[in-house]
Amino acid sequence: DYDQSGGVLLSEKTFKPIKHGQMFFIVGAAGSL
């Protein structure tokens, strides 16, 4: 949220641990989870 828009953008980075069977924390905008 560098631009203070309040928007969430999930990229392939978020889905990589899902695909590979890992727990995860997301360093991203509020509301990502």
Full PDB file with SEQRES, HELIX, SHEET, SSBOND, CRYST1, ORIGX, SCALE, CONECT and MASTER records, all heavy atoms in Angstrom:
SEQRES   1 A   33  ASP TYR ASP GLN SER GLY GLY VAL LEU LEU SER GLU LYS          
SEQRES   2 A   33  THR PHE LYS PRO ILE LYS HIS GLY GLN MET PHE PHE ILE          
SEQRES   3 A   33  VAL GLY ALA ALA GLY SER LEU                                  
HELIX    1 AA1 GLU A   12  LYS A   19  1                                   8    
CRYST1    1.000    1.000    1.000  90.00  90.00  90.00 P 1           1          
ORIGX1      1.000000  0.000000  0.000000        0.00000                         
ORIGX2      0.000000  1.000000  0.000000        0.00000                         
ORIGX3      0.000000  0.000000  1.000000        0.00000                         
SCALE1      1.000000  0.000000  0.000000        0.00000                         
SCALE2      0.000000  1.000000  0.000000        0.00000                         
SCALE3      0.000000  0.000000  1.000000        0.00000                         
ATOM      1  N   ASP A   1       0.838  -1.203   0.000  1.00  0.00           N  
ATOM      2  CA  ASP A   1       0.000   0.000   0.000  1.00  0.00           C  
ATOM      3  C   ASP A   1       0.868   1.247   0.000  1.00  0.00           C  
ATOM      4  O   ASP A   1       0.603   2.209   0.706  1.00  0.00           O  
ATOM      5  CB  ASP A   1      -0.981   0.006   1.174  1.00  0.00           C  
ATOM      6  CG  ASP A   1      -2.136   0.963   0.937  1.00  0.00           C  
ATOM      7  OD1 ASP A   1      -2.457   1.247  -0.231  1.00  0.00           O  
ATOM      8  OD2 ASP A   1      -2.707   1.443   1.919  1.00  0.00           O  
ATOM      9  N   TYR A   2       1.868   1.220  -0.843  1.00  0.00           N  
ATOM     10  CA  TYR A   2       2.779   2.358  -0.933  1.00  0.00           C  
ATOM     11  C   TYR A   2       2.092   3.622  -1.422  1.00  0.00           C  
ATOM     12  O   TYR A   2       2.515   4.723  -1.120  1.00  0.00           O  
ATOM     13  CB  TYR A   2       3.972   2.030  -1.849  1.00  0.00           C  
ATOM     14  CG  TYR A   2       3.589   1.873  -3.295  1.00  0.00           C  
ATOM     15  CD1 TYR A   2       3.625   2.961  -4.159  1.00  0.00           C  
ATOM     16  CD2 TYR A   2       3.171   0.655  -3.783  1.00  0.00           C  
ATOM     17  CE1 TYR A   2       3.259   2.820  -5.490  1.00  0.00           C  
ATOM     18  CE2 TYR A   2       2.810   0.513  -5.110  1.00  0.00           C  
ATOM     19  CZ  TYR A   2       2.861   1.593  -5.954  1.00  0.00           C  
ATOM     20  OH  TYR A   2       2.494   1.453  -7.257  1.00  0.00           O  
ATOM     21  N   ASP A   3       1.013   3.446  -2.192  1.00  0.00           N  
ATOM     22  CA  ASP A   3       0.338   4.626  -2.735  1.00  0.00           C  
ATOM     23  C   ASP A   3      -0.835   5.071  -1.872  1.00  0.00           C  
ATOM     24  O   ASP A   3      -1.563   5.985  -2.225  1.00  0.00           O  
ATOM     25  CB  ASP A   3      -0.122   4.378  -4.164  1.00  0.00           C  
ATOM     26  CG  ASP A   3      -1.144   3.253  -4.275  1.00  0.00           C  
ATOM     27  OD1 ASP A   3      -1.456   2.597  -3.254  1.00  0.00           O  
ATOM     28  OD2 ASP A   3      -1.651   3.029  -5.385  1.00  0.00           O  
ATOM     29  N   GLN A   4      -1.028   4.407  -0.722  1.00  0.00           N  
ATOM     30  CA  GLN A   4      -2.093   4.743   0.234  1.00  0.00           C  
ATOM     31  C   GLN A   4      -3.484   4.615  -0.379  1.00  0.00           C  
ATOM     32  O   GLN A   4      -4.417   5.275   0.047  1.00  0.00           O  
ATOM     33  CB  GLN A   4      -1.892   6.153   0.804  1.00  0.00           C  
ATOM     34  CG  GLN A   4      -0.559   6.362   1.500  1.00  0.00           C  
ATOM     35  CD  GLN A   4      -0.402   5.463   2.717  1.00  0.00           C  
ATOM     36  OE1 GLN A   4      -1.220   5.496   3.611  1.00  0.00           O  
ATOM     37  NE2 GLN A   4       0.646   4.663   2.747  1.00  0.00           N  
ATOM     38  N   SER A   5      -3.652   3.744  -1.367  1.00  0.00           N  
ATOM     39  CA  SER A   5      -4.948   3.581  -2.021  1.00  0.00           C  
ATOM     40  C   SER A   5      -5.885   2.680  -1.232  1.00  0.00           C  
ATOM     41  O   SER A   5      -7.087   2.704  -1.437  1.00  0.00           O  
ATOM     42  CB  SER A   5      -4.758   3.006  -3.425  1.00  0.00           C  
ATOM     43  OG  SER A   5      -4.298   1.664  -3.339  1.00  0.00           O  
ATOM     44  N   GLY A   6      -5.325   1.853  -0.354  1.00  0.00           N  
ATOM     45  CA  GLY A   6      -6.147   0.917   0.399  1.00  0.00           C  
ATOM     46  C   GLY A   6      -6.525  -0.319  -0.399  1.00  0.00           C  
ATOM     47  O   GLY A   6      -7.262  -1.165   0.082  1.00  0.00           O  
ATOM     48  N   GLY A   7      -6.020  -0.437  -1.601  1.00  0.00           N  
ATOM     49  CA  GLY A   7      -6.351  -1.573  -2.452  1.00  0.00           C  
ATOM     50  C   GLY A   7      -5.441  -2.762  -2.212  1.00  0.00           C  
ATOM     51  O   GLY A   7      -4.306  -2.620  -1.790  1.00  0.00           O  
ATOM     52  N   VAL A   8      -5.973  -3.941  -2.465  1.00  0.00           N  
ATOM     53  CA  VAL A   8      -5.220  -5.187  -2.318  1.00  0.00           C  
ATOM     54  C   VAL A   8      -4.910  -5.727  -3.701  1.00  0.00           C  
ATOM     55  O   VAL A   8      -5.792  -5.809  -4.547  1.00  0.00           O  
ATOM     56  CB  VAL A   8      -6.040  -6.232  -1.529  1.00  0.00           C  
ATOM     57  CG1 VAL A   8      -5.350  -7.587  -1.539  1.00  0.00           C  
ATOM     58  CG2 VAL A   8      -6.271  -5.759  -0.098  1.00  0.00           C  
ATOM     59  N   LEU A   9      -3.664  -6.072  -3.912  1.00  0.00           N  
ATOM     60  CA  LEU A   9      -3.250  -6.712  -5.150  1.00  0.00           C  
ATOM     61  C   LEU A   9      -2.486  -7.973  -4.785  1.00  0.00           C  
ATOM     62  O   LEU A   9      -1.427  -7.897  -4.158  1.00  0.00           O  
ATOM     63  CB  LEU A   9      -2.355  -5.779  -5.980  1.00  0.00           C  
ATOM     64  CG  LEU A   9      -1.750  -6.422  -7.222  1.00  0.00           C  
ATOM     65  CD1 LEU A   9      -2.852  -6.759  -8.241  1.00  0.00           C  
ATOM     66  CD2 LEU A   9      -0.721  -5.503  -7.853  1.00  0.00           C  
ATOM     67  N   LEU A  10      -3.048  -9.106  -5.144  1.00  0.00           N  
ATOM     68  CA  LEU A  10      -2.375 -10.381  -4.911  1.00  0.00           C  
ATOM     69  C   LEU A  10      -1.793 -10.856  -6.232  1.00  0.00           C  
ATOM     70  O   LEU A  10      -2.483 -10.914  -7.238  1.00  0.00           O  
ATOM     71  CB  LEU A  10      -3.359 -11.421  -4.371  1.00  0.00           C  
ATOM     72  CG  LEU A  10      -4.004 -11.096  -3.034  1.00  0.00           C  
ATOM     73  CD1 LEU A  10      -4.990 -12.191  -2.654  1.00  0.00           C  
ATOM     74  CD2 LEU A  10      -2.970 -10.898  -1.949  1.00  0.00           C  
ATOM     75  N   SER A  11      -0.518 -11.193  -6.196  1.00  0.00           N  
ATOM     76  CA  SER A  11       0.150 -11.661  -7.404  1.00  0.00           C  
ATOM     77  C   SER A  11       0.421 -13.163  -7.293  1.00  0.00           C  
ATOM     78  O   SER A  11       0.000 -13.821  -6.336  1.00  0.00           O  
ATOM     79  CB  SER A  11       1.470 -10.899  -7.589  1.00  0.00           C  
ATOM     80  OG  SER A  11       2.404 -11.320  -6.612  1.00  0.00           O  
ATOM     81  N   GLU A  12       1.156 -13.668  -8.255  1.00  0.00           N  
ATOM     82  CA  GLU A  12       1.545 -15.085  -8.230  1.00  0.00           C  
ATOM     83  C   GLU A  12       2.369 -15.421  -6.998  1.00  0.00           C  
ATOM     84  O   GLU A  12       2.433 -16.572  -6.578  1.00  0.00           O  
ATOM     85  CB  GLU A  12       2.324 -15.435  -9.509  1.00  0.00           C  
ATOM     86  CG  GLU A  12       3.775 -15.003  -9.534  1.00  0.00           C  
ATOM     87  CD  GLU A  12       4.014 -13.504  -9.713  1.00  0.00           C  
ATOM     88  OE1 GLU A  12       3.080 -12.748 -10.031  1.00  0.00           O  
ATOM     89  OE2 GLU A  12       5.171 -13.085  -9.525  1.00  0.00           O  
ATOM     90  N   LYS A  13       2.981 -14.411  -6.395  1.00  0.00           N  
ATOM     91  CA  LYS A  13       3.800 -14.642  -5.199  1.00  0.00           C  
ATOM     92  C   LYS A  13       2.974 -15.245  -4.074  1.00  0.00           C  
ATOM     93  O   LYS A  13       3.461 -16.088  -3.318  1.00  0.00           O  
ATOM     94  CB  LYS A  13       4.437 -13.331  -4.741  1.00  0.00           C  
ATOM     95  CG  LYS A  13       5.389 -12.737  -5.737  1.00  0.00           C  
ATOM     96  CD  LYS A  13       5.787 -11.345  -5.310  1.00  0.00           C  
ATOM     97  CE  LYS A  13       6.424 -10.605  -6.459  1.00  0.00           C  
ATOM     98  NZ  LYS A  13       6.461  -9.187  -6.243  1.00  0.00           N  
ATOM     99  N   THR A  14       1.735 -14.797  -3.935  1.00  0.00           N  
ATOM    100  CA  THR A  14       0.854 -15.308  -2.883  1.00  0.00           C  
ATOM    101  C   THR A  14       0.447 -16.744  -3.157  1.00  0.00           C  
ATOM    102  O   THR A  14       0.307 -17.544  -2.230  1.00  0.00           O  
ATOM    103  CB  THR A  14      -0.396 -14.418  -2.760  1.00  0.00           C  
ATOM    104  OG1 THR A  14       0.011 -13.149  -2.228  1.00  0.00           O  
ATOM    105  CG2 THR A  14      -1.435 -15.020  -1.842  1.00  0.00           C  
ATOM    106  N   PHE A  15       0.268 -17.091  -4.418  1.00  0.00           N  
ATOM    107  CA  PHE A  15      -0.241 -18.416  -4.747  1.00  0.00           C  
ATOM    108  C   PHE A  15       0.861 -19.485  -4.806  1.00  0.00           C  
ATOM    109  O   PHE A  15       0.564 -20.672  -4.797  1.00  0.00           O  
ATOM    110  CB  PHE A  15      -1.041 -18.353  -6.048  1.00  0.00           C  
ATOM    111  CG  PHE A  15      -2.278 -17.504  -5.873  1.00  0.00           C  
ATOM    112  CD1 PHE A  15      -2.269 -16.175  -6.247  1.00  0.00           C  
ATOM    113  CD2 PHE A  15      -3.409 -18.026  -5.273  1.00  0.00           C  
ATOM    114  CE1 PHE A  15      -3.385 -15.377  -6.055  1.00  0.00           C  
ATOM    115  CE2 PHE A  15      -4.527 -17.236  -5.068  1.00  0.00           C  
ATOM    116  CZ  PHE A  15      -4.519 -15.906  -5.461  1.00  0.00           C  
ATOM    117  N   LYS A  16       2.109 -19.057  -4.815  1.00  0.00           N  
ATOM    118  CA  LYS A  16       3.220 -20.019  -4.848  1.00  0.00           C  
ATOM    119  C   LYS A  16       3.245 -20.903  -3.595  1.00  0.00           C  
ATOM    120  O   LYS A  16       3.324 -22.128  -3.715  1.00  0.00           O  
ATOM    121  CB  LYS A  16       4.541 -19.271  -5.028  1.00  0.00           C  
ATOM    122  CG  LYS A  16       5.719 -20.189  -5.274  1.00  0.00           C  
ATOM    123  CD  LYS A  16       6.969 -19.392  -5.587  1.00  0.00           C  
ATOM    124  CE  LYS A  16       8.151 -20.299  -5.857  1.00  0.00           C  
ATOM    125  NZ  LYS A  16       9.367 -19.541  -6.166  1.00  0.00           N  
ATOM    126  N   PRO A  17       3.167 -20.351  -2.364  1.00  0.00           N  
ATOM    127  CA  PRO A  17       3.152 -21.247  -1.205  1.00  0.00           C  
ATOM    128  C   PRO A  17       1.875 -22.089  -1.130  1.00  0.00           C  
ATOM    129  O   PRO A  17       1.907 -23.203  -0.593  1.00  0.00           O  
ATOM    130  CB  PRO A  17       3.273 -20.300  -0.011  1.00  0.00           C  
ATOM    131  CG  PRO A  17       2.852 -18.965  -0.502  1.00  0.00           C  
ATOM    132  CD  PRO A  17       3.202 -18.942  -1.961  1.00  0.00           C  
ATOM    133  N   ILE A  18       0.777 -21.577  -1.654  1.00  0.00           N  
ATOM    134  CA  ILE A  18      -0.453 -22.372  -1.675  1.00  0.00           C  
ATOM    135  C   ILE A  18      -0.237 -23.598  -2.553  1.00  0.00           C  
ATOM    136  O   ILE A  18      -0.524 -24.729  -2.144  1.00  0.00           O  
ATOM    137  CB  ILE A  18      -1.643 -21.522  -2.170  1.00  0.00           C  
ATOM    138  CG1 ILE A  18      -1.993 -20.453  -1.116  1.00  0.00           C  
ATOM    139  CG2 ILE A  18      -2.849 -22.396  -2.489  1.00  0.00           C  
ATOM    140  CD1 ILE A  18      -3.005 -19.429  -1.566  1.00  0.00           C  
ATOM    141  N   LYS A  19       0.288 -23.376  -3.736  1.00  0.00           N  
ATOM    142  CA  LYS A  19       0.532 -24.478  -4.665  1.00  0.00           C  
ATOM    143  C   LYS A  19       1.520 -25.496  -4.087  1.00  0.00           C  
ATOM    144  O   LYS A  19       1.365 -26.695  -4.261  1.00  0.00           O  
ATOM    145  CB  LYS A  19       1.073 -23.936  -5.990  1.00  0.00           C  
ATOM    146  CG  LYS A  19       1.371 -25.019  -7.000  1.00  0.00           C  
ATOM    147  CD  LYS A  19       1.944 -24.460  -8.272  1.00  0.00           C  
ATOM    148  CE  LYS A  19       2.275 -25.583  -9.233  1.00  0.00           C  
ATOM    149  NZ  LYS A  19       3.032 -25.121 -10.383  1.00  0.00           N  
ATOM    150  N   HIS A  20       2.539 -25.006  -3.386  1.00  0.00           N  
ATOM    151  CA  HIS A  20       3.602 -25.884  -2.901  1.00  0.00           C  
ATOM    152  C   HIS A  20       3.408 -26.360  -1.461  1.00  0.00           C  
ATOM    153  O   HIS A  20       4.316 -26.964  -0.883  1.00  0.00           O  
ATOM    154  CB  HIS A  20       4.957 -25.185  -3.051  1.00  0.00           C  
ATOM    155  CG  HIS A  20       5.340 -24.987  -4.477  1.00  0.00           C  
ATOM    156  ND1 HIS A  20       5.763 -26.011  -5.290  1.00  0.00           N  
ATOM    157  CD2 HIS A  20       5.309 -23.883  -5.262  1.00  0.00           C  
ATOM    158  CE1 HIS A  20       5.998 -25.552  -6.502  1.00  0.00           C  
ATOM    159  NE2 HIS A  20       5.729 -24.269  -6.516  1.00  0.00           N  
ATOM    160  N   GLY A  21       2.233 -26.100  -0.880  1.00  0.00           N  
ATOM    161  CA  GLY A  21       1.900 -26.683   0.413  1.00  0.00           C  
ATOM    162  C   GLY A  21       2.627 -26.068   1.593  1.00  0.00           C  
ATOM    163  O   GLY A  21       3.208 -26.794   2.393  1.00  0.00           O  
ATOM    164  N   GLN A  22       2.560 -24.769   1.716  1.00  0.00           N  
ATOM    165  CA  GLN A  22       3.201 -24.091   2.845  1.00  0.00           C  
ATOM    166  C   GLN A  22       2.215 -23.148   3.530  1.00  0.00           C  
ATOM    167  O   GLN A  22       1.306 -22.614   2.911  1.00  0.00           O  
ATOM    168  CB  GLN A  22       4.387 -23.254   2.359  1.00  0.00           C  
ATOM    169  CG  GLN A  22       5.501 -24.062   1.767  1.00  0.00           C  
ATOM    170  CD  GLN A  22       6.561 -23.166   1.166  1.00  0.00           C  
ATOM    171  OE1 GLN A  22       6.269 -22.121   0.619  1.00  0.00           O  
ATOM    172  NE2 GLN A  22       7.800 -23.610   1.258  1.00  0.00           N  
ATOM    173  N   MET A  23       2.439 -22.955   4.820  1.00  0.00           N  
ATOM    174  CA  MET A  23       1.770 -21.867   5.522  1.00  0.00           C  
ATOM    175  C   MET A  23       2.396 -20.583   4.997  1.00  0.00           C  
ATOM    176  O   MET A  23       3.470 -20.604   4.404  1.00  0.00           O  
ATOM    177  CB  MET A  23       2.022 -21.942   7.035  1.00  0.00           C  
ATOM    178  CG  MET A  23       1.504 -23.180   7.710  1.00  0.00           C  
ATOM    179  SD  MET A  23       1.877 -23.175   9.491  1.00  0.00           S  
ATOM    180  CE  MET A  23       3.657 -23.130   9.501  1.00  0.00           C  
ATOM    181  N   PHE A  24       1.745 -19.443   5.262  1.00  0.00           N  
ATOM    182  CA  PHE A  24       2.301 -18.199   4.752  1.00  0.00           C  
ATOM    183  C   PHE A  24       1.829 -16.997   5.553  1.00  0.00           C  
ATOM    184  O   PHE A  24       0.783 -17.020   6.197  1.00  0.00           O  
ATOM    185  CB  PHE A  24       1.922 -17.999   3.283  1.00  0.00           C  
ATOM    186  CG  PHE A  24       0.440 -18.127   3.019  1.00  0.00           C  
ATOM    187  CD1 PHE A  24      -0.414 -17.049   3.201  1.00  0.00           C  
ATOM    188  CD2 PHE A  24      -0.084 -19.329   2.586  1.00  0.00           C  
ATOM    189  CE1 PHE A  24      -1.773 -17.177   2.963  1.00  0.00           C  
ATOM    190  CE2 PHE A  24      -1.434 -19.464   2.352  1.00  0.00           C  
ATOM    191  CZ  PHE A  24      -2.284 -18.384   2.537  1.00  0.00           C  
ATOM    192  N   PHE A  25       2.654 -15.978   5.522  1.00  0.00           N  
ATOM    193  CA  PHE A  25       2.314 -14.633   5.967  1.00  0.00           C  
ATOM    194  C   PHE A  25       2.419 -13.761   4.719  1.00  0.00           C  
ATOM    195  O   PHE A  25       3.313 -13.964   3.899  1.00  0.00           O  
ATOM    196  CB  PHE A  25       3.307 -14.108   7.011  1.00  0.00           C  
ATOM    197  CG  PHE A  25       3.212 -14.782   8.342  1.00  0.00           C  
ATOM    198  CD1 PHE A  25       4.050 -15.849   8.662  1.00  0.00           C  
ATOM    199  CD2 PHE A  25       2.303 -14.349   9.293  1.00  0.00           C  
ATOM    200  CE1 PHE A  25       3.983 -16.460   9.884  1.00  0.00           C  
ATOM    201  CE2 PHE A  25       2.234 -14.954  10.531  1.00  0.00           C  
ATOM    202  CZ  PHE A  25       3.067 -16.013  10.832  1.00  0.00           C  
ATOM    203  N   ILE A  26       1.527 -12.798   4.580  1.00  0.00           N  
ATOM    204  CA  ILE A  26       1.585 -11.919   3.419  1.00  0.00           C  
ATOM    205  C   ILE A  26       2.009 -10.523   3.853  1.00  0.00           C  
ATOM    206  O   ILE A  26       1.348  -9.887   4.672  1.00  0.00           O  
ATOM    207  CB  ILE A  26       0.230 -11.839   2.688  1.00  0.00           C  
ATOM    208  CG1 ILE A  26      -0.150 -13.215   2.161  1.00  0.00           C  
ATOM    209  CG2 ILE A  26       0.302 -10.827   1.544  1.00  0.00           C  
ATOM    210  CD1 ILE A  26      -1.479 -13.246   1.440  1.00  0.00           C  
ATOM    211  N   VAL A  27       3.128 -10.089   3.321  1.00  0.00           N  
ATOM    212  CA  VAL A  27       3.590  -8.721   3.505  1.00  0.00           C  
ATOM    213  C   VAL A  27       2.965  -7.941   2.358  1.00  0.00           C  
ATOM    214  O   VAL A  27       3.506  -7.864   1.264  1.00  0.00           O  
ATOM    215  CB  VAL A  27       5.133  -8.627   3.466  1.00  0.00           C  
ATOM    216  CG1 VAL A  27       5.581  -7.197   3.730  1.00  0.00           C  
ATOM    217  CG2 VAL A  27       5.761  -9.595   4.458  1.00  0.00           C  
ATOM    218  N   GLY A  28       1.784  -7.407   2.619  1.00  0.00           N  
ATOM    219  CA  GLY A  28       1.035  -6.722   1.576  1.00  0.00           C  
ATOM    220  C   GLY A  28       0.051  -5.745   2.183  1.00  0.00           C  
ATOM    221  O   GLY A  28       0.116  -5.428   3.378  1.00  0.00           O  
ATOM    222  N   ALA A  29      -0.862  -5.300   1.389  1.00  0.00           N  
ATOM    223  CA  ALA A  29      -1.861  -4.327   1.828  1.00  0.00           C  
ATOM    224  C   ALA A  29      -2.797  -4.938   2.864  1.00  0.00           C  
ATOM    225  O   ALA A  29      -3.006  -6.155   2.886  1.00  0.00           O  
ATOM    226  CB  ALA A  29      -2.662  -3.832   0.631  1.00  0.00           C  
ATOM    227  N   ALA A  30      -3.349  -4.088   3.725  1.00  0.00           N  
ATOM    228  CA  ALA A  30      -4.330  -4.540   4.706  1.00  0.00           C  
ATOM    229  C   ALA A  30      -5.497  -5.185   3.973  1.00  0.00           C  
ATOM    230  O   ALA A  30      -5.965  -4.683   2.958  1.00  0.00           O  
ATOM    231  CB  ALA A  30      -4.811  -3.362   5.549  1.00  0.00           C  
ATOM    232  N   GLY A  31      -5.939  -6.323   4.473  1.00  0.00           N  
ATOM    233  CA  GLY A  31      -7.051  -7.028   3.858  1.00  0.00           C  
ATOM    234  C   GLY A  31      -6.641  -8.099   2.868  1.00  0.00           C  
ATOM    235  O   GLY A  31      -7.501  -8.748   2.277  1.00  0.00           O  
ATOM    236  N   SER A  32      -5.354  -8.312   2.693  1.00  0.00           N  
ATOM    237  CA  SER A  32      -4.883  -9.323   1.743  1.00  0.00           C  
ATOM    238  C   SER A  32      -5.393 -10.717   2.107  1.00  0.00           C  
ATOM    239  O   SER A  32      -5.850 -11.467   1.236  1.00  0.00           O  
ATOM    240  CB  SER A  32      -3.356  -9.336   1.673  1.00  0.00           C  
ATOM    241  OG  SER A  32      -2.862  -8.134   1.148  1.00  0.00           O  
ATOM    242  N   LEU A  33      -5.324 -11.059   3.388  1.00  0.00           N  
ATOM    243  CA  LEU A  33      -5.793 -12.378   3.809  1.00  0.00           C  
ATOM    244  C   LEU A  33      -7.305 -12.505   3.628  1.00  0.00           C  
ATOM    245  O   LEU A  33      -7.799 -13.579   3.274  1.00  0.00           O  
ATOM    246  CB  LEU A  33      -5.408 -12.657   5.261  1.00  0.00           C  
ATOM    247  CG  LEU A  33      -3.910 -12.820   5.523  1.00  0.00           C  
ATOM    248  CD1 LEU A  33      -3.649 -13.008   7.014  1.00  0.00           C  
ATOM    249  CD2 LEU A  33      -3.329 -13.979   4.726  1.00  0.00           C  
TER     250      LEU A  33                                                      
MASTER        0    0    0    1    0    0    0    6  249    1    0    3          
END                                                                             
